[in-house]
Structures are given as C-alpha cells and as structure tokens.
Amino acid sequence: MQLFILCATTLFLLFSCSGPVDRQEIDLSDQVVAQPVDGVGHYVYAMSIPKEVAVGTKLDAQMEWRTVGSVDPNARYTMDIQFSGPDNKIYSYPSGANTVGELHLANWLSYDLLIPPDFTPGAYTFGVRLRDSNRDFEAVPLGYRTDLLGTDGFYTLAEFAVTPAE
C-alpha cells in the first residue's frame, strides 16, 4: 500500500508540474499484467507526449520505464518507438543510448522524435517494443495486457495527431 501511495504521489507531482496544457499525461499502470510472460516486467509505467505535433517539428516524448523481476545482467536491449497511421516511422535506440532493461530500473527517459517534413497529417498511434541485441534482435515480451500488442512486437500506448506545417 505504501508503494502505491508513493507511486501515485510521484505521478501527481510529475504531471502537475509538466508544463504546457497541450500534452497528454498518460498513466499506464492499469495496463500491466501481474505475471509477465517471461517473468520479467519491462514496461512504460507512465508517459507524456503532445496531443498534436506539426510535420517538420519534434515530438517530445517522456516515458517512465520500469523493469522488475529477474533480469539477465548481460542483456542488451534496443528500444524502438513506432508512429503508425497514414505513414509509419520507427525510431531505434541501441542499448548504449538507453537504460531500458536494467535491473530494477525505474526512471524517466526523454526523446525528441523528428516528424519528417513529408509525413502525412492525420491520426497516429505511439508504440514501443524492446529487441534483445544478444538474440538476433528478437522482440522481448513486455509486461502489458495482450490487447495492446500490435504487429512486429510493438505495444500501442498512446494516440496523437500530426498536423500540417504552420
């Protein structure tokens, strides 16, 4: 119970001080499963992204990654972010550029993701996946409910709009 109160207080403080009102503050704590498939829970616990972003600008994504359970200390994960909609784009961050998958990880990571100038405006989903660099980059199961699992190992976590350039 104390852990729940601590987490709820932390989320409240982070989200209440997060800045512009055009951002989505997303709590994903109710989307995780108690017993992940591989016994390890890798997941984005909370995230903050804009509701909309113009083509040719950057989408600032902030994600609180958590890893719980017995983790292989030699594991190296590549974290991918996918924008899926009228167009598709995948951004990859190799293990040297992120700390996702580290034992008992609980930290906020920020990413500035460029929306290509020729991206088609419209509704998009924001997905994430981990790939194991030591196992031919196979997708790693994340600790989410299976209904969030899309194609190619991506879990859909949010929606946003891409607008024409201003």
C-alpha atoms as a PDB file:
ATOM      1  CA  MET A   1       0.000   0.000   0.000  1.00  0.00           C
ATOM      2  CA  GLN A   2       2.854   2.377   0.822  1.00  0.00           C
ATOM      3  CA  LEU A   3       4.391   1.699  -2.595  1.00  0.00           C
ATOM      4  CA  PHE A   4       1.075   2.535  -4.275  1.00  0.00           C
ATOM      5  CA  ILE A   5       0.803   5.829  -2.340  1.00  0.00           C
ATOM      6  CA  LEU A   6       4.408   6.713  -3.182  1.00  0.00           C
ATOM      7  CA  CYS A   7       3.852   5.964  -6.904  1.00  0.00           C
ATOM      8  CA  ALA A   8       0.569   7.887  -7.001  1.00  0.00           C
ATOM      9  CA  THR A   9       2.157  10.894  -5.273  1.00  0.00           C
ATOM     10  CA  THR A  10       5.140  10.822  -7.645  1.00  0.00           C
ATOM     11  CA  LEU A  11       2.884  10.681 -10.701  1.00  0.00           C
ATOM     12  CA  PHE A  12       0.724  13.520  -9.374  1.00  0.00           C
ATOM     13  CA  LEU A  13       3.748  15.744  -8.732  1.00  0.00           C
ATOM     14  CA  LEU A  14       5.325  14.982 -12.109  1.00  0.00           C
ATOM     15  CA  PHE A  15       2.119  15.517 -14.046  1.00  0.00           C
ATOM     16  CA  SER A  16       1.050  18.646 -12.156  1.00  0.00           C
ATOM     17  CA  CYS A  17       4.397  20.315 -12.924  1.00  0.00           C
ATOM     18  CA  SER A  18       4.706  19.128 -16.506  1.00  0.00           C
ATOM     19  CA  GLY A  19       4.202  22.367 -18.383  1.00  0.00           C
ATOM     20  CA  PRO A  20       2.008  23.085 -21.404  1.00  0.00           C
ATOM     21  CA  VAL A  21      -1.637  22.007 -21.387  1.00  0.00           C
ATOM     22  CA  ASP A  22      -1.356  20.542 -24.893  1.00  0.00           C
ATOM     23  CA  ARG A  23       0.375  17.429 -23.520  1.00  0.00           C
ATOM     24  CA  GLN A  24      -1.154  14.091 -22.656  1.00  0.00           C
ATOM     25  CA  GLU A  25      -0.157  12.749 -19.255  1.00  0.00           C
ATOM     26  CA  ILE A  26      -0.800   9.029 -19.555  1.00  0.00           C
ATOM     27  CA  ASP A  27      -0.858   6.626 -16.614  1.00  0.00           C
ATOM     28  CA  LEU A  28      -0.319   3.081 -17.914  1.00  0.00           C
ATOM     29  CA  SER A  29      -0.252   1.378 -14.515  1.00  0.00           C
ATOM     30  CA  ASP A  30      -3.603  -0.318 -15.165  1.00  0.00           C
ATOM     31  CA  GLN A  31      -2.328  -1.765 -18.469  1.00  0.00           C
ATOM     32  CA  VAL A  32       0.338  -4.034 -16.958  1.00  0.00           C
ATOM     33  CA  VAL A  33      -0.055  -7.698 -16.024  1.00  0.00           C
ATOM     34  CA  ALA A  34       0.781  -9.256 -12.674  1.00  0.00           C
ATOM     35  CA  GLN A  35       2.738 -12.160 -14.219  1.00  0.00           C
ATOM     36  CA  PRO A  36       4.638 -11.192 -17.399  1.00  0.00           C
ATOM     37  CA  VAL A  37       5.210 -13.953 -19.972  1.00  0.00           C
ATOM     38  CA  ASP A  38       8.950 -14.207 -19.351  1.00  0.00           C
ATOM     39  CA  GLY A  39       8.784 -13.481 -15.614  1.00  0.00           C
ATOM     40  CA  VAL A  40      10.300 -10.032 -16.142  1.00  0.00           C
ATOM     41  CA  GLY A  41       8.200  -6.899 -16.387  1.00  0.00           C
ATOM     42  CA  HIS A  42       9.586  -4.348 -18.817  1.00  0.00           C
ATOM     43  CA  TYR A  43       7.109  -1.550 -19.372  1.00  0.00           C
ATOM     44  CA  VAL A  44       6.426   2.139 -19.693  1.00  0.00           C
ATOM     45  CA  TYR A  45       4.557   2.932 -16.474  1.00  0.00           C
ATOM     46  CA  ALA A  46       3.657   6.500 -17.415  1.00  0.00           C
ATOM     47  CA  MET A  47       4.321   8.810 -20.323  1.00  0.00           C
ATOM     48  CA  SER A  48       3.865  12.368 -21.505  1.00  0.00           C
ATOM     49  CA  ILE A  49       3.501  13.305 -25.169  1.00  0.00           C
ATOM     50  CA  PRO A  50       1.876  16.187 -27.037  1.00  0.00           C
ATOM     51  CA  LYS A  51      -1.701  15.812 -28.204  1.00  0.00           C
ATOM     52  CA  GLU A  52      -0.580  17.058 -31.598  1.00  0.00           C
ATOM     53  CA  VAL A  53       2.617  17.953 -33.401  1.00  0.00           C
ATOM     54  CA  ALA A  54       3.273  19.651 -36.751  1.00  0.00           C
ATOM     55  CA  VAL A  55       5.196  17.992 -39.566  1.00  0.00           C
ATOM     56  CA  GLY A  56       8.848  19.013 -39.603  1.00  0.00           C
ATOM     57  CA  THR A  57       8.936  19.550 -35.815  1.00  0.00           C
ATOM     58  CA  LYS A  58       9.956  17.328 -32.913  1.00  0.00           C
ATOM     59  CA  LEU A  59       7.654  15.312 -30.711  1.00  0.00           C
ATOM     60  CA  ASP A  60       8.984  15.399 -27.145  1.00  0.00           C
ATOM     61  CA  ALA A  61       8.214  12.017 -25.556  1.00  0.00           C
ATOM     62  CA  GLN A  62       8.855  11.413 -21.864  1.00  0.00           C
ATOM     63  CA  MET A  63       8.496   7.854 -20.615  1.00  0.00           C
ATOM     64  CA  GLU A  64       8.911   6.285 -17.212  1.00  0.00           C
ATOM     65  CA  TRP A  65      10.365   2.851 -17.947  1.00  0.00           C
ATOM     66  CA  ARG A  66      10.293   0.198 -15.257  1.00  0.00           C
ATOM     67  CA  THR A  67      11.888  -3.211 -15.152  1.00  0.00           C
ATOM     68  CA  VAL A  68      11.075  -5.637 -12.356  1.00  0.00           C
ATOM     69  CA  GLY A  69      11.881  -9.288 -11.848  1.00  0.00           C
ATOM     70  CA  SER A  70      14.926 -11.419 -12.512  1.00  0.00           C
ATOM     71  CA  VAL A  71      16.887  -9.722 -15.293  1.00  0.00           C
ATOM     72  CA  ASP A  72      19.876 -11.092 -17.207  1.00  0.00           C
ATOM     73  CA  PRO A  73      22.709  -8.649 -16.354  1.00  0.00           C
ATOM     74  CA  ASN A  74      24.259  -9.300 -19.785  1.00  0.00           C
ATOM     75  CA  ALA A  75      21.078  -8.455 -21.701  1.00  0.00           C
ATOM     76  CA  ARG A  76      21.268  -5.535 -24.098  1.00  0.00           C
ATOM     77  CA  TYR A  77      18.060  -4.118 -25.469  1.00  0.00           C
ATOM     78  CA  THR A  78      17.357  -1.910 -28.428  1.00  0.00           C
ATOM     79  CA  MET A  79      14.273   0.181 -27.737  1.00  0.00           C
ATOM     80  CA  ASP A  80      12.081   1.082 -30.719  1.00  0.00           C
ATOM     81  CA  ILE A  81       9.339   3.689 -30.947  1.00  0.00           C
ATOM     82  CA  GLN A  82       6.839   3.436 -33.794  1.00  0.00           C
ATOM     83  CA  PHE A  83       4.475   6.056 -35.151  1.00  0.00           C
ATOM     84  CA  SER A  84       1.740   4.292 -37.090  1.00  0.00           C
ATOM     85  CA  GLY A  85      -1.006   5.992 -39.086  1.00  0.00           C
ATOM     86  CA  PRO A  86      -1.233   7.340 -42.628  1.00  0.00           C
ATOM     87  CA  ASP A  87       2.580   6.954 -42.672  1.00  0.00           C
ATOM     88  CA  ASN A  88       4.841   4.810 -40.488  1.00  0.00           C
ATOM     89  CA  LYS A  89       8.142   5.667 -38.818  1.00  0.00           C
ATOM     90  CA  ILE A  90      10.356   3.667 -36.455  1.00  0.00           C
ATOM     91  CA  TYR A  91      12.985   5.287 -34.217  1.00  0.00           C
ATOM     92  CA  SER A  92      15.603   2.941 -32.702  1.00  0.00           C
ATOM     93  CA  TYR A  93      17.763   3.490 -29.637  1.00  0.00           C
ATOM     94  CA  PRO A  94      20.535   0.903 -29.100  1.00  0.00           C
ATOM     95  CA  SER A  95      21.454  -0.260 -25.610  1.00  0.00           C
ATOM     96  CA  GLY A  96      24.303   2.247 -25.348  1.00  0.00           C
ATOM     97  CA  ALA A  97      21.821   5.100 -25.778  1.00  0.00           C
ATOM     98  CA  ASN A  98      19.198   3.955 -23.262  1.00  0.00           C
ATOM     99  CA  THR A  99      18.965   2.242 -19.885  1.00  0.00           C
ATOM    100  CA  VAL A 100      15.827   0.239 -20.632  1.00  0.00           C
ATOM    101  CA  GLY A 101      16.033  -3.302 -19.314  1.00  0.00           C
ATOM    102  CA  GLU A 102      18.460  -2.646 -16.493  1.00  0.00           C
ATOM    103  CA  LEU A 103      17.762  -4.484 -13.248  1.00  0.00           C
ATOM    104  CA  HIS A 104      15.059  -2.799 -11.147  1.00  0.00           C
ATOM    105  CA  LEU A 105      15.027   0.204 -13.431  1.00  0.00           C
ATOM    106  CA  ALA A 106      12.559   2.988 -12.651  1.00  0.00           C
ATOM    107  CA  ASN A 107      13.438   6.231 -14.378  1.00  0.00           C
ATOM    108  CA  TRP A 108      12.161   8.836 -16.805  1.00  0.00           C
ATOM    109  CA  LEU A 109      13.688   8.923 -20.262  1.00  0.00           C
ATOM    110  CA  SER A 110      13.124  11.715 -22.784  1.00  0.00           C
ATOM    111  CA  TYR A 111      13.255  11.512 -26.556  1.00  0.00           C
ATOM    112  CA  ASP A 112      12.984  14.231 -29.218  1.00  0.00           C
ATOM    113  CA  LEU A 113      11.495  12.496 -32.237  1.00  0.00           C
ATOM    114  CA  LEU A 114      11.552  14.405 -35.525  1.00  0.00           C
ATOM    115  CA  ILE A 115       8.324  14.227 -37.505  1.00  0.00           C
ATOM    116  CA  PRO A 116       9.548  14.125 -41.132  1.00  0.00           C
ATOM    117  CA  PRO A 117       8.576  17.192 -43.211  1.00  0.00           C
ATOM    118  CA  ASP A 118       6.840  14.923 -45.758  1.00  0.00           C
ATOM    119  CA  PHE A 119       4.825  12.994 -43.136  1.00  0.00           C
ATOM    120  CA  THR A 120       1.111  12.819 -43.948  1.00  0.00           C
ATOM    121  CA  PRO A 121      -1.031  14.695 -41.385  1.00  0.00           C
ATOM    122  CA  GLY A 122      -3.567  12.577 -39.526  1.00  0.00           C
ATOM    123  CA  ALA A 123      -4.184  10.353 -36.511  1.00  0.00           C
ATOM    124  CA  TYR A 124      -1.237   8.241 -35.318  1.00  0.00           C
ATOM    125  CA  THR A 125      -0.529   5.673 -32.631  1.00  0.00           C
ATOM    126  CA  PHE A 126       2.604   5.629 -30.479  1.00  0.00           C
ATOM    127  CA  GLY A 127       4.037   2.153 -29.952  1.00  0.00           C
ATOM    128  CA  VAL A 128       7.098   0.729 -28.210  1.00  0.00           C
ATOM    129  CA  ARG A 129       8.992  -2.549 -28.306  1.00  0.00           C
ATOM    130  CA  LEU A 130      12.253  -3.942 -26.973  1.00  0.00           C
ATOM    131  CA  ARG A 131      14.559  -6.164 -29.007  1.00  0.00           C
ATOM    132  CA  ASP A 132      17.277  -8.302 -27.465  1.00  0.00           C
ATOM    133  CA  SER A 133      20.620  -7.351 -29.034  1.00  0.00           C
ATOM    134  CA  ASN A 134      22.118 -10.645 -27.833  1.00  0.00           C
ATOM    135  CA  ARG A 135      19.410 -12.757 -29.515  1.00  0.00           C
ATOM    136  CA  ASP A 136      19.420 -11.529 -33.122  1.00  0.00           C
ATOM    137  CA  PHE A 137      17.227  -8.575 -32.103  1.00  0.00           C
ATOM    138  CA  GLU A 138      14.163 -10.714 -31.407  1.00  0.00           C
ATOM    139  CA  ALA A 139      11.266  -8.875 -29.748  1.00  0.00           C
ATOM    140  CA  VAL A 140      11.151  -9.097 -25.953  1.00  0.00           C
ATOM    141  CA  PRO A 141       7.708  -9.563 -24.369  1.00  0.00           C
ATOM    142  CA  LEU A 142       6.717  -6.516 -22.355  1.00  0.00           C
ATOM    143  CA  GLY A 143       4.618  -6.623 -19.194  1.00  0.00           C
ATOM    144  CA  TYR A 144       1.394  -5.311 -20.785  1.00  0.00           C
ATOM    145  CA  ARG A 145      -2.022  -6.800 -21.388  1.00  0.00           C
ATOM    146  CA  THR A 146      -2.055  -8.715 -24.669  1.00  0.00           C
ATOM    147  CA  ASP A 147      -4.729  -6.474 -26.216  1.00  0.00           C
ATOM    148  CA  LEU A 148      -2.086  -3.712 -26.502  1.00  0.00           C
ATOM    149  CA  LEU A 149       0.159  -5.923 -28.653  1.00  0.00           C
ATOM    150  CA  GLY A 150       0.134  -4.898 -32.297  1.00  0.00           C
ATOM    151  CA  THR A 151       2.276  -6.076 -35.173  1.00  0.00           C
ATOM    152  CA  ASP A 152       6.012  -6.782 -35.099  1.00  0.00           C
ATOM    153  CA  GLY A 153       6.176  -6.812 -31.288  1.00  0.00           C
ATOM    154  CA  PHE A 154       5.019  -3.191 -30.811  1.00  0.00           C
ATOM    155  CA  TYR A 155       2.684  -2.339 -27.930  1.00  0.00           C
ATOM    156  CA  THR A 156       0.331   0.584 -28.652  1.00  0.00           C
ATOM    157  CA  LEU A 157       0.447   3.032 -25.747  1.00  0.00           C
ATOM    158  CA  ALA A 158      -0.985   6.333 -26.986  1.00  0.00           C
ATOM    159  CA  GLU A 159      -2.530   8.303 -29.824  1.00  0.00           C
ATOM    160  CA  PHE A 160      -1.610  11.726 -31.163  1.00  0.00           C
ATOM    161  CA  ALA A 161      -2.263  13.889 -34.224  1.00  0.00           C
ATOM    162  CA  VAL A 162       0.182  15.097 -36.840  1.00  0.00           C
ATOM    163  CA  THR A 163      -0.857  18.466 -38.265  1.00  0.00           C
ATOM    164  CA  PRO A 164       0.286  20.339 -41.380  1.00  0.00           C
ATOM    165  CA  ALA A 165       3.283  22.645 -41.066  1.00  0.00           C
ATOM    166  CA  GLU A 166       2.406  26.045 -39.665  1.00  0.00           C
END
